[in-house]
Amino acid sequence: MSPEDSSPYSLTWSGHTDRGRVRKNNEDAFLGLAIDAQEVRHLGKIGDAGGQEADFVFAVSDGMGGAMAGEFASRIAVEKITRMLPPLFRQNAAGISSGFTEVLEQLFDEIHKALLYLGACYEECSGMGATLSLCWFTRRWMYFGHIGDSRIYYLPAGGGIKQLTHDDSHVGWLFRNGQLNEREAKNHPRRNVLQAALGAGHQFVNPQVGAVGFEAGDRFLLCTDGVTDALYNDQLPGLLDEGANAADHLVREAVARSGRDNSTALIIRASD
């Protein structure tokens, strides 16, 4: 598939978040945007639109920090996307197929700096940080950026599931290298200890970036660790129903099976 493929396509999406059965507040946040040369529009939790109308951006973020700092961190991350990405889009629109890596790296770096600044200026925000997993749909390609342990999955129309992102933790590294199986990784006492995140006192960020060409029937799942701690990878395809409330169904299932953490999911399906 050519990066310049501009054949018509449509996207259908749904998003849902739940604080779970243990946490007192919800430190997760999610976002959907439509961006063109003139404006940026916030998308509803459920919707559909044609890909010829605009580029589409979806993101999930899981905040961390004392008191309410985690909740602030994830909200700041998605709000910064809303403000920073449109100008970057307009500046790089002519060369997007070759410049998406630089655009996403700059975006992640700016959010990281903002969280570090707030953490240094306000005691109640000290140590605040956030994961971020972002998908950018344009011209039948999905470009993604990621840091932390939220995840992006690709479910091709022909079946199967592939985790596109890697968890930025030592346990995630052990799993990727075959030293732990999925069950052992889920139950490891240090599974939620991150080695990389936005803010959280990290000096530098080096987001994972990549691209996937998509076709009709392909689906993408963005979710926080509240979903993946509760469900195994091979269980996910069967839980992603085709209804308008697909994300609500998945999150409710995760909360029912665990509910120890906030749970958030965004599901995007492509069609002709």
Foldseek 3Di string as FASTA:
>chain_A
DDPQQQPKKKKWKAKDWDFFDADPDALKDKFKWFADLPDIDTDDRTDMDMQVVGKMKIKMKFKDAPDCLSNVLNVLLRVLCRVQLRVVCNVCVVPCSPCVVVSVQVSLQVSLVVLQVVLVPDVRNPLMFMWMWMWMDHNQKIKIKTAAPWWKWKAAQVGDIDTPDFHQDPLSVCCVVPNDPLVCLLPPPCNRPGPDTRHRPDPDHDIDIDMDGGAARMKMKTKGVLLPSQDPPVVPVVQQDPDRNSFVSSQVSSSVRPRNGMIMMMMMGMHD
